[in-house]
Amino acid sequence: MSTKRFEEFWKLYPNRVNKKKAKELWEKQGCDAVAETILGHLTTRVKTDEKWLKGFIIGPEVFIRGERWQDEYQEAKSKFKGYSPDTTVVDESIPSPGLLGTARYYNVATQDESGKQFTAEQITKLFYAKKAQNEGRLDSQHLLQLPESSRCHLIGIRPPF
């Protein structure tokens, strides 16, 4: 019997365990005759089945024995659609809430005298400059990179870094 169709199935199936048993069942049940249906079902199910996307995937021999390509399954809600790279562009200059909270915790300024928000890069430079100041390295490259007006923000309690 031809096992070419089984190999296509095996490459598509996401839980590749017990290949020998799965191959025997494939041949015993004559799955080559319905291979197009099985492969089409798998192509869709791998991308949309909610349980499969969460990692709950039955073994291939169970899939074949139970003719599970005939099953209906729960399509995933948008939050379960597996990994897809985030396509939104994040403005790196805007400080994240986490960075702002950390800055407040360590008493590092996040705004200039006029109330204008520092960028994420400026806040990070302030962190390093404050650390250098606390370590007595006032000639630190980070401190020297800050504009004169920002250097006055290096006041307050000594942070634990």
Protein backbone atom coordinates (compact mmCIF):
# COMPACT_ATOMS: atom_id res chain seq x y z
CA MET A 1 0.00 0.00 0.00
CA SER A 2 1.05 3.57 -0.63
CA THR A 3 2.21 5.51 2.36
CA LYS A 4 2.76 8.78 0.51
CA ARG A 5 -0.55 10.19 1.71
CA PHE A 6 0.21 9.10 5.28
CA GLU A 7 3.48 11.04 5.16
CA GLU A 8 1.56 14.16 4.11
CA PHE A 9 -0.80 13.57 7.04
CA TRP A 10 2.14 13.08 9.40
CA LYS A 11 3.79 16.35 8.35
CA LEU A 12 0.55 18.26 8.93
CA TYR A 13 -0.45 16.64 12.21
CA PRO A 14 0.72 18.78 15.15
CA ASN A 15 1.10 15.97 17.73
CA ARG A 16 3.55 13.55 16.11
CA VAL A 17 3.60 10.58 18.49
CA ASN A 18 3.31 6.81 17.94
CA LYS A 19 3.93 6.98 14.19
CA LYS A 20 4.06 3.20 13.74
CA LYS A 21 0.59 2.64 15.23
CA ALA A 22 -0.84 5.60 13.34
CA LYS A 23 0.56 4.28 10.06
CA GLU A 24 -0.89 0.81 10.69
CA LEU A 25 -4.32 2.31 11.39
CA TRP A 26 -4.07 4.54 8.31
CA GLU A 27 -3.48 1.49 6.12
CA LYS A 28 -6.02 -0.73 7.94
CA GLN A 29 -8.81 1.85 7.59
CA GLY A 30 -7.93 2.69 3.98
CA CYS A 31 -7.46 6.36 4.67
CA ASP A 32 -5.75 6.94 1.32
CA ALA A 33 -9.23 6.94 -0.23
CA VAL A 34 -10.30 9.92 1.91
CA ALA A 35 -6.88 11.54 2.22
CA GLU A 36 -7.97 14.80 0.55
CA THR A 37 -10.79 15.21 3.09
CA ILE A 38 -8.47 14.42 6.01
CA LEU A 39 -5.71 16.75 4.85
CA GLY A 40 -8.15 19.57 4.12
CA HIS A 41 -9.72 19.14 7.56
CA LEU A 42 -6.31 19.15 9.25
CA THR A 43 -5.14 22.25 7.40
CA THR A 44 -8.11 24.19 8.75
CA ARG A 45 -8.30 22.60 12.18
CA VAL A 46 -4.65 23.21 13.04
CA LYS A 47 -5.25 26.95 12.62
CA THR A 48 -8.73 27.30 14.12
CA ASP A 49 -9.55 24.58 16.70
CA GLU A 50 -9.68 26.26 20.11
CA LYS A 51 -8.49 23.19 22.03
CA TRP A 52 -5.68 22.45 19.58
CA LEU A 53 -4.43 26.03 19.75
CA LYS A 54 -4.34 25.69 23.54
CA GLY A 55 -2.23 22.53 23.15
CA PHE A 56 -4.85 19.83 23.79
CA ILE A 57 -4.25 17.68 20.72
CA ILE A 58 -5.19 14.00 20.60
CA GLY A 59 -2.71 11.46 19.32
CA PRO A 60 -2.76 10.74 15.60
CA GLU A 61 -3.82 7.10 16.11
CA VAL A 62 -6.88 8.27 18.10
CA PHE A 63 -7.64 10.78 15.35
CA ILE A 64 -7.49 8.05 12.68
CA ARG A 65 -9.27 5.32 14.67
CA GLY A 66 -12.15 7.63 15.56
CA GLU A 67 -12.33 9.20 12.09
CA ARG A 68 -12.06 12.54 13.86
CA TRP A 69 -11.87 14.48 10.58
CA GLN A 70 -15.68 14.15 10.60
CA ASP A 71 -15.96 15.87 13.99
CA GLU A 72 -17.20 19.36 14.53
CA TYR A 73 -15.01 21.45 16.78
CA GLN A 74 -15.09 24.77 18.58
CA GLU A 75 -13.46 27.49 16.53
CA ALA A 76 -11.13 29.66 18.52
CA LYS A 77 -12.15 33.08 19.66
CA SER A 78 -9.77 35.80 18.58
CA LYS A 79 -7.68 35.55 21.75
CA PHE A 80 -6.81 31.89 21.04
CA LYS A 81 -5.56 32.34 17.48
CA GLY A 82 -2.03 31.28 18.32
CA TYR A 83 0.99 33.47 17.95
CA SER A 84 0.93 36.25 15.46
CA PRO A 85 3.44 39.05 15.58
CA ASP A 86 2.03 42.31 16.80
CA THR A 87 1.68 44.59 13.82
CA THR A 88 0.93 47.74 15.79
CA VAL A 89 3.79 50.19 15.81
CA VAL A 90 4.84 51.13 19.31
CA ASP A 91 6.27 54.57 19.82
CA GLU A 92 9.45 53.84 21.78
CA SER A 93 9.70 57.46 22.87
CA ILE A 94 6.52 57.26 24.96
CA PRO A 95 7.28 55.89 28.43
CA SER A 96 5.31 52.80 29.41
CA PRO A 97 3.19 52.80 32.57
CA GLY A 98 5.71 50.35 34.06
CA LEU A 99 8.61 52.70 33.42
CA LEU A 100 6.70 55.64 34.89
CA GLY A 101 5.78 53.63 37.99
CA THR A 102 9.38 52.51 38.46
CA ALA A 103 10.60 56.09 38.02
CA ARG A 104 8.20 57.27 40.72
CA TYR A 105 9.28 54.42 43.00
CA TYR A 106 12.97 55.33 42.66
CA ASN A 107 12.25 59.06 42.79
CA VAL A 108 13.46 59.75 39.27
CA ALA A 109 11.84 62.70 37.50
CA THR A 110 9.49 61.96 34.61
CA GLN A 111 8.68 65.57 33.66
CA ASP A 112 10.64 68.74 33.14
CA GLU A 113 10.00 72.06 34.94
CA SER A 114 7.21 73.01 32.55
CA GLY A 115 5.39 69.70 33.11
CA LYS A 116 6.35 68.23 29.72
CA GLN A 117 6.71 64.42 29.84
CA PHE A 118 10.23 63.08 29.35
CA THR A 119 10.67 60.40 26.69
CA ALA A 120 11.39 56.80 27.65
CA GLU A 121 15.02 57.31 26.60
CA GLN A 122 15.38 60.41 28.75
CA ILE A 123 13.90 58.65 31.79
CA THR A 124 16.26 55.72 31.27
CA LYS A 125 19.24 58.11 31.07
CA LEU A 126 18.06 59.74 34.28
CA PHE A 127 18.00 56.32 35.97
CA TYR A 128 21.60 55.61 34.98
CA ALA A 129 22.73 59.13 35.82
CA LYS A 130 21.13 58.90 39.26
CA LYS A 131 22.80 55.56 39.82
CA ALA A 132 26.18 57.06 38.83
CA GLN A 133 25.56 60.03 41.12
CA ASN A 134 24.74 57.71 44.04
CA GLU A 135 27.94 55.77 43.38
CA GLY A 136 29.95 59.01 43.38
CA ARG A 137 30.73 58.92 39.65
CA LEU A 138 29.59 62.42 38.71
CA ASP A 139 31.59 62.25 35.48
CA SER A 140 29.42 59.38 34.25
CA GLN A 141 28.70 59.38 30.53
CA HIS A 142 24.98 59.16 31.31
CA LEU A 143 25.11 62.23 33.52
CA LEU A 144 27.09 64.14 30.93
CA GLN A 145 24.62 63.18 28.18
CA LEU A 146 21.75 64.85 30.03
CA PRO A 147 20.92 68.44 29.22
CA GLU A 148 21.85 70.90 31.98
CA SER A 149 18.18 71.42 32.89
CA SER A 150 17.67 67.66 33.43
CA ARG A 151 20.62 67.32 35.78
CA CYS A 152 18.77 69.28 38.44
CA HIS A 153 16.20 66.45 38.62
CA LEU A 154 18.75 64.14 40.17
CA ILE A 155 17.55 64.80 43.68
CA GLY A 156 15.68 62.81 46.30
CA ILE A 157 16.19 59.63 48.26
CA ARG A 158 18.94 57.27 47.28
CA PRO A 159 17.48 54.42 45.19
CA PRO A 160 18.52 50.84 46.04
CA PHE A 161 20.46 50.14 42.84
